[in-house]
PDB file of N, CA and C in Angstrom:
ATOM      1  N   MET A   1      71.140 110.655  34.780  1.00  0.00           N
ATOM      2  CA  MET A   1      71.719 109.675  35.947  1.00  0.00           C
ATOM      3  C   MET A   1      71.035 110.089  37.292  1.00  0.00           C
ATOM      4  N   ALA A   2      70.402 109.743  38.277  1.00  0.00           N
ATOM      5  CA  ALA A   2      69.785 109.605  39.533  1.00  0.00           C
ATOM      6  C   ALA A   2      70.786 110.074  40.521  1.00  0.00           C
ATOM      7  N   ARG A   3      70.702 111.054  41.328  1.00  0.00           N
ATOM      8  CA  ARG A   3      71.306 111.053  42.379  1.00  0.00           C
ATOM      9  C   ARG A   3      70.588 111.347  43.714  1.00  0.00           C
ATOM     10  N   ILE A   4      70.898 110.430  44.613  1.00  0.00           N
ATOM     11  CA  ILE A   4      70.028 110.160  45.876  1.00  0.00           C
ATOM     12  C   ILE A   4      71.341 110.333  47.097  1.00  0.00           C
ATOM     13  N   ALA A   5      70.642 110.895  47.805  1.00  0.00           N
ATOM     14  CA  ALA A   5      71.942 111.196  49.333  1.00  0.00           C
ATOM     15  C   ALA A   5      73.072 111.186  48.899  1.00  0.00           C
ATOM     16  N   GLY A   6      73.155 112.029  47.841  1.00  0.00           N
ATOM     17  CA  GLY A   6      74.742 112.363  47.321  1.00  0.00           C
ATOM     18  C   GLY A   6      75.613 110.974  46.901  1.00  0.00           C
ATOM     19  N   ILE A   7      74.963 110.190  46.174  1.00  0.00           N
ATOM     20  CA  ILE A   7      75.469 109.444  45.502  1.00  0.00           C
ATOM     21  C   ILE A   7      74.580 109.077  44.088  1.00  0.00           C
ATOM     22  N   ASN A   8      75.307 109.030  43.357  1.00  0.00           N
ATOM     23  CA  ASN A   8      74.858 108.445  41.699  1.00  0.00           C
ATOM     24  C   ASN A   8      74.488 107.258  41.641  1.00  0.00           C
ATOM     25  N   ILE A   9      73.545 106.753  41.505  1.00  0.00           N
ATOM     26  CA  ILE A   9      73.206 105.433  41.335  1.00  0.00           C
ATOM     27  C   ILE A   9      73.233 105.012  40.009  1.00  0.00           C
ATOM     28  N   PRO A  10      73.143 104.030  39.828  1.00  0.00           N
ATOM     29  CA  PRO A  10      73.637 103.456  38.319  1.00  0.00           C
ATOM     30  C   PRO A  10      72.281 103.177  37.756  1.00  0.00           C
ATOM     31  N   THR A  11      72.069 103.759  36.398  1.00  0.00           N
ATOM     32  CA  THR A  11      70.604 103.608  35.536  1.00  0.00           C
ATOM     33  C   THR A  11      69.902 103.103  35.124  1.00  0.00           C
ATOM     34  N   ASN A  12      70.892 101.927  34.537  1.00  0.00           N
ATOM     35  CA  ASN A  12      70.502 100.715  33.878  1.00  0.00           C
ATOM     36  C   ASN A  12      69.937  99.286  34.669  1.00  0.00           C
ATOM     37  N   LYS A  13      70.454  99.856  36.152  1.00  0.00           N
ATOM     38  CA  LYS A  13      69.699  98.594  37.000  1.00  0.00           C
ATOM     39  C   LYS A  13      68.301  98.691  37.517  1.00  0.00           C
ATOM     40  N   ARG A  14      67.757  97.687  38.523  1.00  0.00           N
ATOM     41  CA  ARG A  14      66.479  97.615  39.184  1.00  0.00           C
ATOM     42  C   ARG A  14      66.497  98.526  39.746  1.00  0.00           C
ATOM     43  N   VAL A  15      65.430  99.342  40.500  1.00  0.00           N
ATOM     44  CA  VAL A  15      65.855 100.374  41.672  1.00  0.00           C
ATOM     45  C   VAL A  15      66.067  99.721  42.863  1.00  0.00           C
ATOM     46  N   GLU A  16      65.381  98.398  43.263  1.00  0.00           N
ATOM     47  CA  GLU A  16      65.655  97.931  44.331  1.00  0.00           C
ATOM     48  C   GLU A  16      67.239  97.568  44.475  1.00  0.00           C
ATOM     49  N   ILE A  17      67.968  97.120  43.486  1.00  0.00           N
ATOM     50  CA  ILE A  17      69.044  96.989  43.345  1.00  0.00           C
ATOM     51  C   ILE A  17      70.310  98.258  43.250  1.00  0.00           C
ATOM     52  N   ALA A  18      69.661  99.383  42.790  1.00  0.00           N
ATOM     53  CA  ALA A  18      70.599 100.366  42.365  1.00  0.00           C
ATOM     54  C   ALA A  18      70.844 101.107  43.944  1.00  0.00           C
ATOM     55  N   LEU A  19      69.733 101.194  44.292  1.00  0.00           N
ATOM     56  CA  LEU A  19      69.444 101.513  45.821  1.00  0.00           C
ATOM     57  C   LEU A  19      70.236 101.109  46.923  1.00  0.00           C
ATOM     58  N   THR A  20      70.854  99.922  46.859  1.00  0.00           N
ATOM     59  CA  THR A  20      71.947  99.170  47.873  1.00  0.00           C
ATOM     60  C   THR A  20      73.210  99.824  47.356  1.00  0.00           C
ATOM     61  N   TYR A  21      73.487 100.965  46.416  1.00  0.00           N
ATOM     62  CA  TYR A  21      74.951 101.322  46.465  1.00  0.00           C
ATOM     63  C   TYR A  21      74.953 102.444  47.456  1.00  0.00           C
ATOM     64  N   ILE A  22      74.052 102.797  47.814  1.00  0.00           N
ATOM     65  CA  ILE A  22      73.987 103.877  49.156  1.00  0.00           C
ATOM     66  C   ILE A  22      74.426 103.361  50.596  1.00  0.00           C
ATOM     67  N   HIS A  23      75.197 103.808  50.803  1.00  0.00           N
ATOM     68  CA  HIS A  23      76.049 103.255  51.988  1.00  0.00           C
ATOM     69  C   HIS A  23      74.655 103.284  53.369  1.00  0.00           C
ATOM     70  N   GLY A  24      74.556 102.348  53.938  1.00  0.00           N
ATOM     71  CA  GLY A  24      73.531 102.341  54.781  1.00  0.00           C
ATOM     72  C   GLY A  24      71.898 101.522  54.369  1.00  0.00           C
ATOM     73  N   VAL A  25      72.035 101.508  53.520  1.00  0.00           N
ATOM     74  CA  VAL A  25      70.975 100.960  52.730  1.00  0.00           C
ATOM     75  C   VAL A  25      71.032  99.577  51.808  1.00  0.00           C
ATOM     76  N   GLY A  26      70.439  98.626  52.805  1.00  0.00           N
ATOM     77  CA  GLY A  26      70.638  97.085  51.968  1.00  0.00           C
ATOM     78  C   GLY A  26      69.434  97.025  51.101  1.00  0.00           C
ATOM     79  N   LEU A  27      69.379  95.433  50.623  1.00  0.00           N
ATOM     80  CA  LEU A  27      68.496  94.897  50.164  1.00  0.00           C
ATOM     81  C   LEU A  27      67.147  95.151  50.639  1.00  0.00           C
ATOM     82  N   SER A  28      66.856  94.459  51.512  1.00  0.00           N
ATOM     83  CA  SER A  28      65.783  94.600  52.341  1.00  0.00           C
ATOM     84  C   SER A  28      65.235  96.153  52.740  1.00  0.00           C
ATOM     85  N   SER A  29      66.179  96.896  52.855  1.00  0.00           N
ATOM     86  CA  SER A  29      65.689  98.082  53.229  1.00  0.00           C
ATOM     87  C   SER A  29      65.338  99.128  51.773  1.00  0.00           C
ATOM     88  N   SER A  30      66.094  98.689  50.838  1.00  0.00           N
ATOM     89  CA  SER A  30      65.434  99.138  49.348  1.00  0.00           C
ATOM     90  C   SER A  30      64.520  98.589  49.191  1.00  0.00           C
ATOM     91  N   LYS A  31      64.089  97.070  49.409  1.00  0.00           N
ATOM     92  CA  LYS A  31      62.457  96.792  49.116  1.00  0.00           C
ATOM     93  C   LYS A  31      61.684  97.286  50.077  1.00  0.00           C
ATOM     94  N   LYS A  32      61.463  97.815  50.957  1.00  0.00           N
ATOM     95  CA  LYS A  32      60.841  98.607  51.895  1.00  0.00           C
ATOM     96  C   LYS A  32      60.606 100.317  51.389  1.00  0.00           C
ATOM     97  N   ILE A  33      61.885 100.677  50.747  1.00  0.00           N
ATOM     98  CA  ILE A  33      61.388 101.753  50.574  1.00  0.00           C
ATOM     99  C   ILE A  33      60.823 101.937  49.251  1.00  0.00           C
ATOM    100  N   CYS A  34      60.911 100.545  48.309  1.00  0.00           N
ATOM    101  CA  CYS A  34      60.090 100.873  46.863  1.00  0.00           C
ATOM    102  C   CYS A  34      58.527 100.637  47.258  1.00  0.00           C
ATOM    103  N   GLU A  35      58.779  99.844  48.241  1.00  0.00           N
ATOM    104  CA  GLU A  35      57.024  99.380  48.946  1.00  0.00           C
ATOM    105  C   GLU A  35      56.366 100.756  49.093  1.00  0.00           C
ATOM    106  N   LEU A  36      56.891 101.510  49.937  1.00  0.00           N
ATOM    107  CA  LEU A  36      56.711 102.840  50.813  1.00  0.00           C
ATOM    108  C   LEU A  36      56.143 103.747  49.345  1.00  0.00           C
ATOM    109  N   ALA A  37      57.351 103.971  48.634  1.00  0.00           N
ATOM    110  CA  ALA A  37      57.045 104.569  47.125  1.00  0.00           C
ATOM    111  C   ALA A  37      56.210 104.406  46.311  1.00  0.00           C
ATOM    112  N   ASN A  38      55.718 103.182  46.489  1.00  0.00           N
ATOM    113  CA  ASN A  38      54.650 102.676  45.109  1.00  0.00           C
ATOM    114  C   ASN A  38      55.232 102.372  44.227  1.00  0.00           C
ATOM    115  N   ILE A  39      56.915 102.071  43.976  1.00  0.00           N
ATOM    116  CA  ILE A  39      57.429 101.622  42.750  1.00  0.00           C
ATOM    117  C   ILE A  39      57.315 100.262  42.606  1.00  0.00           C
ATOM    118  N   LYS A  40      57.259  99.547  41.339  1.00  0.00           N
ATOM    119  CA  LYS A  40      57.167  98.036  40.741  1.00  0.00           C
ATOM    120  C   LYS A  40      58.697  97.525  41.089  1.00  0.00           C
ATOM    121  N   ASP A  41      58.840  95.932  41.516  1.00  0.00           N
ATOM    122  CA  ASP A  41      60.070  95.434  41.481  1.00  0.00           C
ATOM    123  C   ASP A  41      60.712  95.690  40.348  1.00  0.00           C
ATOM    124  N   GLN A  42      60.184  95.583  39.133  1.00  0.00           N
ATOM    125  CA  GLN A  42      61.253  95.300  37.845  1.00  0.00           C
ATOM    126  C   GLN A  42      61.505  96.427  37.448  1.00  0.00           C
ATOM    127  N   THR A  43      60.916  97.868  37.770  1.00  0.00           N
ATOM    128  CA  THR A  43      61.210  99.071  37.085  1.00  0.00           C
ATOM    129  C   THR A  43      62.615  99.643  37.249  1.00  0.00           C
ATOM    130  N   ARG A  44      63.320  99.828  36.281  1.00  0.00           N
ATOM    131  CA  ARG A  44      64.872 100.389  36.092  1.00  0.00           C
ATOM    132  C   ARG A  44      64.564 101.848  36.621  1.00  0.00           C
ATOM    133  N   VAL A  45      66.248 102.331  36.687  1.00  0.00           N
ATOM    134  CA  VAL A  45      66.127 103.678  37.272  1.00  0.00           C
ATOM    135  C   VAL A  45      65.565 104.906  36.285  1.00  0.00           C
ATOM    136  N   ASN A  46      66.275 104.283  35.117  1.00  0.00           N
ATOM    137  CA  ASN A  46      66.147 105.357  33.681  1.00  0.00           C
ATOM    138  C   ASN A  46      64.734 105.215  33.487  1.00  0.00           C
ATOM    139  N   ASN A  47      63.900 104.683  34.101  1.00  0.00           N
ATOM    140  CA  ASN A  47      62.237 104.792  33.843  1.00  0.00           C
ATOM    141  C   ASN A  47      61.228 105.273  34.675  1.00  0.00           C
ATOM    142  N   LEU A  48      62.392 105.719  36.084  1.00  0.00           N
ATOM    143  CA  LEU A  48      61.644 106.598  37.087  1.00  0.00           C
ATOM    144  C   LEU A  48      61.048 107.716  36.506  1.00  0.00           C
ATOM    145  N   THR A  49      60.139 108.346  37.000  1.00  0.00           N
ATOM    146  CA  THR A  49      59.604 109.568  36.991  1.00  0.00           C
ATOM    147  C   THR A  49      60.250 110.688  37.883  1.00  0.00           C
ATOM    148  N   GLU A  50      60.216 111.874  37.812  1.00  0.00           N
ATOM    149  CA  GLU A  50      61.044 113.070  38.963  1.00  0.00           C
ATOM    150  C   GLU A  50      60.541 112.662  40.066  1.00  0.00           C
ATOM    151  N   SER A  51      58.965 112.475  39.994  1.00  0.00           N
ATOM    152  CA  SER A  51      57.980 112.763  41.235  1.00  0.00           C
ATOM    153  C   SER A  51      58.695 111.292  41.996  1.00  0.00           C
ATOM    154  N   GLU A  52      58.783 109.891  41.532  1.00  0.00           N
ATOM    155  CA  GLU A  52      59.114 108.898  42.180  1.00  0.00           C
ATOM    156  C   GLU A  52      60.536 109.107  42.516  1.00  0.00           C
ATOM    157  N   LEU A  53      61.525 109.783  42.210  1.00  0.00           N
ATOM    158  CA  LEU A  53      62.927 110.033  42.717  1.00  0.00           C
ATOM    159  C   LEU A  53      62.711 111.021  43.564  1.00  0.00           C
ATOM    160  N   SER A  54      62.161 111.528  43.658  1.00  0.00           N
ATOM    161  CA  SER A  54      61.820 112.700  45.254  1.00  0.00           C
ATOM    162  C   SER A  54      61.069 111.775  45.865  1.00  0.00           C
ATOM    163  N   LYS A  55      60.183 111.206  45.685  1.00  0.00           N
ATOM    164  CA  LYS A  55      59.231 110.225  47.193  1.00  0.00           C
ATOM    165  C   LYS A  55      60.296 109.525  47.497  1.00  0.00           C
ATOM    166  N   ILE A  56      61.444 108.863  46.711  1.00  0.00           N
ATOM    167  CA  ILE A  56      62.548 107.631  47.537  1.00  0.00           C
ATOM    168  C   ILE A  56      63.233 108.675  48.071  1.00  0.00           C
ATOM    169  N   ARG A  57      63.612 109.919  47.655  1.00  0.00           N
ATOM    170  CA  ARG A  57      64.880 110.844  48.521  1.00  0.00           C
ATOM    171  C   ARG A  57      63.872 111.433  49.743  1.00  0.00           C
ATOM    172  N   ASP A  58      63.111 111.687  49.885  1.00  0.00           N
ATOM    173  CA  ASP A  58      62.302 111.804  51.033  1.00  0.00           C
ATOM    174  C   ASP A  58      62.174 110.946  52.073  1.00  0.00           C
ATOM    175  N   ILE A  59      61.829 109.358  51.408  1.00  0.00           N
ATOM    176  CA  ILE A  59      61.812 108.459  52.127  1.00  0.00           C
ATOM    177  C   ILE A  59      63.176 108.089  53.115  1.00  0.00           C
ATOM    178  N   ILE A  60      64.151 108.292  52.604  1.00  0.00           N
ATOM    179  CA  ILE A  60      65.868 108.163  53.048  1.00  0.00           C
ATOM    180  C   ILE A  60      65.754 109.128  53.576  1.00  0.00           C
ATOM    181  N   ASP A  61      65.561 110.233  53.248  1.00  0.00           N
ATOM    182  CA  ASP A  61      65.784 111.409  54.297  1.00  0.00           C
ATOM    183  C   ASP A  61      65.061 111.603  55.498  1.00  0.00           C
ATOM    184  N   LYS A  62      64.196 111.151  55.593  1.00  0.00           N
ATOM    185  CA  LYS A  62      63.068 110.908  57.018  1.00  0.00           C
ATOM    186  C   LYS A  62      63.541 109.689  57.770  1.00  0.00           C
ATOM    187  N   ASP A  63      63.510 108.603  57.444  1.00  0.00           N
ATOM    188  CA  ASP A  63      63.612 107.268  58.081  1.00  0.00           C
ATOM    189  C   ASP A  63      64.897 106.779  57.909  1.00  0.00           C
ATOM    190  N   TYR A  64      65.738 106.692  57.217  1.00  0.00           N
ATOM    191  CA  TYR A  64      66.898 106.386  56.983  1.00  0.00           C
ATOM    192  C   TYR A  64      68.203 106.999  57.481  1.00  0.00           C
ATOM    193  N   LEU A  65      69.308 106.716  58.273  1.00  0.00           N
ATOM    194  CA  LEU A  65      70.657 106.941  58.449  1.00  0.00           C
ATOM    195  C   LEU A  65      71.223 106.847  57.579  1.00  0.00           C
ATOM    196  N   VAL A  66      72.171 107.441  56.215  1.00  0.00           N
ATOM    197  CA  VAL A  66      73.015 106.840  55.130  1.00  0.00           C
ATOM    198  C   VAL A  66      74.006 107.849  54.987  1.00  0.00           C
ATOM    199  N   GLU A  67      74.924 107.489  54.576  1.00  0.00           N
ATOM    200  CA  GLU A  67      76.316 108.074  53.846  1.00  0.00           C
ATOM    201  C   GLU A  67      76.840 108.660  55.021  1.00  0.00           C
ATOM    202  N   GLY A  68      77.499 109.501  55.101  1.00  0.00           N
ATOM    203  CA  GLY A  68      78.200 110.613  55.627  1.00  0.00           C
ATOM    204  C   GLY A  68      77.826 110.181  57.396  1.00  0.00           C
ATOM    205  N   ASP A  69      76.374 110.555  57.652  1.00  0.00           N
ATOM    206  CA  ASP A  69      76.307 110.627  58.795  1.00  0.00           C
ATOM    207  C   ASP A  69      75.979 109.270  59.698  1.00  0.00           C
ATOM    208  N   LEU A  70      76.032 108.235  58.764  1.00  0.00           N
ATOM    209  CA  LEU A  70      76.006 107.148  59.640  1.00  0.00           C
ATOM    210  C   LEU A  70      77.540 106.818  59.936  1.00  0.00           C
ATOM    211  N   ARG A  71      78.456 107.224  58.934  1.00  0.00           N
ATOM    212  CA  ARG A  71      79.781 106.720  58.523  1.00  0.00           C
ATOM    213  C   ARG A  71      80.376 107.361  60.299  1.00  0.00           C
ATOM    214  N   ARG A  72      80.070 108.824  60.136  1.00  0.00           N
ATOM    215  CA  ARG A  72      80.360 109.374  61.509  1.00  0.00           C
ATOM    216  C   ARG A  72      79.700 109.159  62.831  1.00  0.00           C
ATOM    217  N   LYS A  73      78.325 108.542  62.971  1.00  0.00           N
ATOM    218  CA  LYS A  73      77.927 107.646  63.900  1.00  0.00           C
ATOM    219  C   LYS A  73      78.938 107.064  64.184  1.00  0.00           C
ATOM    220  N   ILE A  74      79.247 105.358  63.069  1.00  0.00           N
ATOM    221  CA  ILE A  74      80.109 104.222  63.825  1.00  0.00           C
ATOM    222  C   ILE A  74      81.212 104.986  64.243  1.00  0.00           C
ATOM    223  N   SER A  75      82.308 105.996  63.619  1.00  0.00           N
ATOM    224  CA  SER A  75      83.324 106.216  64.413  1.00  0.00           C
ATOM    225  C   SER A  75      83.079 106.877  65.439  1.00  0.00           C
ATOM    226  N   LEU A  76      82.201 107.893  65.840  1.00  0.00           N
ATOM    227  CA  LEU A  76      82.092 108.227  67.404  1.00  0.00           C
ATOM    228  C   LEU A  76      81.776 107.224  68.377  1.00  0.00           C
ATOM    229  N   ASP A  77      81.004 106.155  67.818  1.00  0.00           N
ATOM    230  CA  ASP A  77      80.440 104.787  68.591  1.00  0.00           C
ATOM    231  C   ASP A  77      81.903 104.433  69.048  1.00  0.00           C
ATOM    232  N   VAL A  78      82.568 103.663  67.967  1.00  0.00           N
ATOM    233  CA  VAL A  78      84.113 103.042  68.446  1.00  0.00           C
ATOM    234  C   VAL A  78      85.102 103.704  69.155  1.00  0.00           C
ATOM    235  N   LYS A  79      84.969 105.271  68.931  1.00  0.00           N
ATOM    236  CA  LYS A  79      85.890 106.069  69.632  1.00  0.00           C
ATOM    237  C   LYS A  79      84.876 105.966  71.353  1.00  0.00           C
ATOM    238  N   ARG A  80      83.875 106.216  71.184  1.00  0.00           N
ATOM    239  CA  ARG A  80      83.555 106.100  73.009  1.00  0.00           C
ATOM    240  C   ARG A  80      84.105 104.648  73.399  1.00  0.00           C
ATOM    241  N   TYR A  81      83.985 103.534  72.489  1.00  0.00           N
ATOM    242  CA  TYR A  81      84.555 102.264  73.273  1.00  0.00           C
ATOM    243  C   TYR A  81      86.005 102.181  73.725  1.00  0.00           C
ATOM    244  N   LEU A  82      86.399 102.790  72.732  1.00  0.00           N
ATOM    245  CA  LEU A  82      88.164 103.501  73.039  1.00  0.00           C
ATOM    246  C   LEU A  82      88.024 104.102  74.137  1.00  0.00           C
ATOM    247  N   ASP A  83      87.186 105.347  74.560  1.00  0.00           N
ATOM    248  CA  ASP A  83      87.499 106.412  75.765  1.00  0.00           C
ATOM    249  C   ASP A  83      87.591 105.249  77.362  1.00  0.00           C
ATOM    250  N   LEU A  84      85.968 104.532  76.725  1.00  0.00           N
ATOM    251  CA  LEU A  84      85.340 103.496  77.655  1.00  0.00           C
ATOM    252  C   LEU A  84      86.693 102.829  78.375  1.00  0.00           C
ATOM    253  N   GLY A  85      87.206 102.250  77.511  1.00  0.00           N
ATOM    254  CA  GLY A  85      88.428 101.107  78.316  1.00  0.00           C
ATOM    255  C   GLY A  85      87.682  99.669  78.258  1.00  0.00           C
ATOM    256  N   CYS A  86      86.475  99.681  77.588  1.00  0.00           N
ATOM    257  CA  CYS A  86      85.786  98.221  77.534  1.00  0.00           C
ATOM    258  C   CYS A  86      86.333  97.324  77.083  1.00  0.00           C
ATOM    259  N   LEU A  87      85.955  96.099  77.189  1.00  0.00           N
ATOM    260  CA  LEU A  87      86.886  94.775  76.577  1.00  0.00           C
ATOM    261  C   LEU A  87      86.642  95.352  74.791  1.00  0.00           C
ATOM    262  N   ARG A  88      85.563  96.037  74.674  1.00  0.00           N
ATOM    263  CA  ARG A  88      85.220  96.103  72.725  1.00  0.00           C
ATOM    264  C   ARG A  88      86.564  97.368  72.681  1.00  0.00           C
ATOM    265  N   GLY A  89      86.242  98.100  73.242  1.00  0.00           N
ATOM    266  CA  GLY A  89      87.399  99.096  73.246  1.00  0.00           C
ATOM    267  C   GLY A  89      88.661  98.399  72.931  1.00  0.00           C
ATOM    268  N   LEU A  90      89.138  97.561  73.849  1.00  0.00           N
ATOM    269  CA  LEU A  90      90.621  97.060  74.036  1.00  0.00           C
ATOM    270  C   LEU A  90      90.553  96.074  72.669  1.00  0.00           C
ATOM    271  N   ARG A  91      89.623  95.518  72.448  1.00  0.00           N
ATOM    272  CA  ARG A  91      89.782  94.818  70.950  1.00  0.00           C
ATOM    273  C   ARG A  91      90.092  95.619  69.685  1.00  0.00           C
ATOM    274  N   HIS A  92      89.202  96.844  69.778  1.00  0.00           N
ATOM    275  CA  HIS A  92      89.183  97.680  68.608  1.00  0.00           C
ATOM    276  C   HIS A  92      90.751  98.324  68.606  1.00  0.00           C
ATOM    277  N   ARG A  93      91.366  98.620  70.141  1.00  0.00           N
ATOM    278  CA  ARG A  93      92.724  99.045  70.123  1.00  0.00           C
ATOM    279  C   ARG A  93      93.811  98.258  70.033  1.00  0.00           C
ATOM    280  N   LYS A  94      93.540  96.810  69.858  1.00  0.00           N
ATOM    281  CA  LYS A  94      94.772  96.274  69.417  1.00  0.00           C
ATOM    282  C   LYS A  94      94.388  95.546  68.269  1.00  0.00           C
ATOM    283  N   ASN A  95      93.598  96.002  67.390  1.00  0.00           N
ATOM    284  CA  ASN A  95      93.315  95.611  66.191  1.00  0.00           C
ATOM    285  C   ASN A  95      92.741  93.820  66.056  1.00  0.00           C
ATOM    286  N   LEU A  96      92.129  93.176  66.901  1.00  0.00           N
ATOM    287  CA  LEU A  96      91.738  91.782  67.170  1.00  0.00           C
ATOM    288  C   LEU A  96      90.110  92.166  66.391  1.00  0.00           C
ATOM    289  N   PRO A  97      89.651  90.731  66.633  1.00  0.00           N
ATOM    290  CA  PRO A  97      87.638  90.680  66.399  1.00  0.00           C
ATOM    291  C   PRO A  97      87.402  91.207  67.697  1.00  0.00           C
ATOM    292  N   VAL A  98      86.507  91.977  67.231  1.00  0.00           N
ATOM    293  CA  VAL A  98      85.329  92.533  68.270  1.00  0.00           C
ATOM    294  C   VAL A  98      84.020  91.527  69.214  1.00  0.00           C
ATOM    295  N   ARG A  99      83.790  90.908  68.021  1.00  0.00           N
ATOM    296  CA  ARG A  99      82.267  90.000  68.873  1.00  0.00           C
ATOM    297  C   ARG A  99      82.309  88.996  68.918  1.00  0.00           C
ATOM    298  N   GLY A 100      83.689  88.433  69.551  1.00  0.00           N
ATOM    299  CA  GLY A 100      83.925  86.865  69.981  1.00  0.00           C
ATOM    300  C   GLY A 100      84.516  85.666  68.992  1.00  0.00           C
ATOM    301  N   GLN A 101      84.854  86.532  67.883  1.00  0.00           N
ATOM    302  CA  GLN A 101      85.182  85.387  67.005  1.00  0.00           C
ATOM    303  C   GLN A 101      86.672  84.726  67.675  1.00  0.00           C
ATOM    304  N   ARG A 102      86.815  83.233  67.173  1.00  0.00           N
ATOM    305  CA  ARG A 102      88.062  83.038  67.832  1.00  0.00           C
ATOM    306  C   ARG A 102      89.047  83.522  67.119  1.00  0.00           C
ATOM    307  N   THR A 103      90.567  83.364  67.710  1.00  0.00           N
ATOM    308  CA  THR A 103      91.558  84.390  67.192  1.00  0.00           C
ATOM    309  C   THR A 103      93.075  83.331  67.368  1.00  0.00           C
ATOM    310  N   HIS A 104      92.674  82.109  67.511  1.00  0.00           N
ATOM    311  CA  HIS A 104      94.057  80.969  67.515  1.00  0.00           C
ATOM    312  C   HIS A 104      94.117  80.532  66.303  1.00  0.00           C
ATOM    313  N   THR A 105      93.251  80.159  65.306  1.00  0.00           N
ATOM    314  CA  THR A 105      93.475  80.265  63.639  1.00  0.00           C
ATOM    315  C   THR A 105      92.494  81.517  63.581  1.00  0.00           C
ATOM    316  N   ASN A 106      92.238  81.458  61.940  1.00  0.00           N
ATOM    317  CA  ASN A 106      91.409  82.487  61.275  1.00  0.00           C
ATOM    318  C   ASN A 106      91.544  83.652  62.161  1.00  0.00           C
ATOM    319  N   ALA A 107      91.117  84.949  61.915  1.00  0.00           N
ATOM    320  CA  ALA A 107      90.872  86.113  62.181  1.00  0.00           C
ATOM    321  C   ALA A 107      92.143  87.207  61.236  1.00  0.00           C
ATOM    322  N   ARG A 108      92.517  86.050  60.105  1.00  0.00           N
ATOM    323  CA  ARG A 108      93.743  86.823  59.653  1.00  0.00           C
ATOM    324  C   ARG A 108      93.301  88.432  58.840  1.00  0.00           C
ATOM    325  N   THR A 109      92.171  88.419  58.631  1.00  0.00           N
ATOM    326  CA  THR A 109      91.488  89.647  57.724  1.00  0.00           C
ATOM    327  C   THR A 109      91.847  90.670  58.593  1.00  0.00           C
ATOM    328  N   ARG A 110      91.270  90.688  60.215  1.00  0.00           N
ATOM    329  CA  ARG A 110      91.691  91.584  60.987  1.00  0.00           C
ATOM    330  C   ARG A 110      92.879  92.044  61.503  1.00  0.00           C
ATOM    331  N   LYS A 111      94.182  90.604  61.601  1.00  0.00           N
ATOM    332  CA  LYS A 111      95.038  90.471  62.573  1.00  0.00           C
ATOM    333  C   LYS A 111      96.226  90.987  61.338  1.00  0.00           C
ATOM    334  N   GLY A 112      96.083  90.714  59.933  1.00  0.00           N
ATOM    335  CA  GLY A 112      96.839  91.281  59.347  1.00  0.00           C
ATOM    336  C   GLY A 112      97.805  89.655  58.966  1.00  0.00           C
ATOM    337  N   PRO A 113      98.432  89.886  57.773  1.00  0.00           N
ATOM    338  CA  PRO A 113      99.926  88.734  57.410  1.00  0.00           C
ATOM    339  C   PRO A 113      99.966  87.694  58.761  1.00  0.00           C
ATOM    340  N   ALA A 114     100.199  86.735  58.685  1.00  0.00           N
ATOM    341  CA  ALA A 114     100.853  85.678  59.631  1.00  0.00           C
ATOM    342  C   ALA A 114     102.288  86.455  60.060  1.00  0.00           C
ATOM    343  N   LYS A 115     102.954  86.222  61.332  1.00  0.00           N
ATOM    344  CA  LYS A 115     104.173  86.874  61.276  1.00  0.00           C
ATOM    345  C   LYS A 115     105.069  85.736  62.148  1.00  0.00           C
ATOM    346  N   ALA A 116     106.134  85.179  61.289  1.00  0.00           N
ATOM    347  CA  ALA A 116     106.872  84.037  61.549  1.00  0.00           C
ATOM    348  C   ALA A 116     107.616  83.951  63.156  1.00  0.00           C
ATOM    349  N   ILE A 117     107.629  83.268  63.825  1.00  0.00           N
ATOM    350  CA  ILE A 117     107.965  83.286  65.341  1.00  0.00           C
ATOM    351  C   ILE A 117     109.438  82.603  65.156  1.00  0.00           C
ATOM    352  N   ALA A 118     110.558  82.802  65.462  1.00  0.00           N
ATOM    353  CA  ALA A 118     111.961  82.345  65.618  1.00  0.00           C
ATOM    354  C   ALA A 118     111.732  81.187  66.618  1.00  0.00           C
ATOM    355  N   GLY A 119     112.503  80.141  65.976  1.00  0.00           N
ATOM    356  CA  GLY A 119     112.594  79.027  66.394  1.00  0.00           C
ATOM    357  C   GLY A 119     111.251  78.045  66.720  1.00  0.00           C
ATOM    358  N   LYS A 120     110.475  78.510  66.263  1.00  0.00           N
ATOM    359  CA  LYS A 120     109.011  77.540  66.014  1.00  0.00           C
ATOM    360  C   LYS A 120     108.890  76.048  65.155  1.00  0.00           C
ATOM    361  N   LYS A 121     110.202  76.052  64.222  1.00  0.00           N
ATOM    362  CA  LYS A 121     109.955  74.961  63.510  1.00  0.00           C
ATOM    363  C   LYS A 121     110.665  73.848  63.818  1.00  0.00           C
ATOM    364  N   LYS A 122     110.547  72.644  63.997  1.00  0.00           N
ATOM    365  CA  LYS A 122     111.071  71.293  64.540  1.00  0.00           C
ATOM    366  C   LYS A 122     111.684  70.261  63.496  1.00  0.00           C
TER     367      LYS A 122
END
C-alpha cells in the first residue's frame, strides 16, 4: 500500500488516477507530477519502485499545497471574508451561493430543501 501525503492511495489503479485521491491534486496536476517524476502514463501504483514513490512524495511536498494545509488555508480564507463583512463574506454567512449564481430558481444544494410558504397556492 502506497502512502503519499498521509493518504493511502489505491494500489491497483494507474498512478495519475491514484494521485487524484489526494485532496488538492486533480488530474492535470497528477499528470504534471508524473511527468516531473519520469513515470509513464500506464504504470500502476503496485509496479512503482520505492525511489519513484519517494520522487512523487518530494514533488508533492515541495510544489503543492495538499490535504490538511489546503483545508486550513481555505477555512482561514472564508473566515477572513466573514470578518471583513464584504459581499462574499455575507453570502457565506447566509449560506447562499458566493460566486454570482442565480438564486431565484436553482441553488437548492446550497440553500437546502425548499420551504413551503403559507398562502402561496391559488
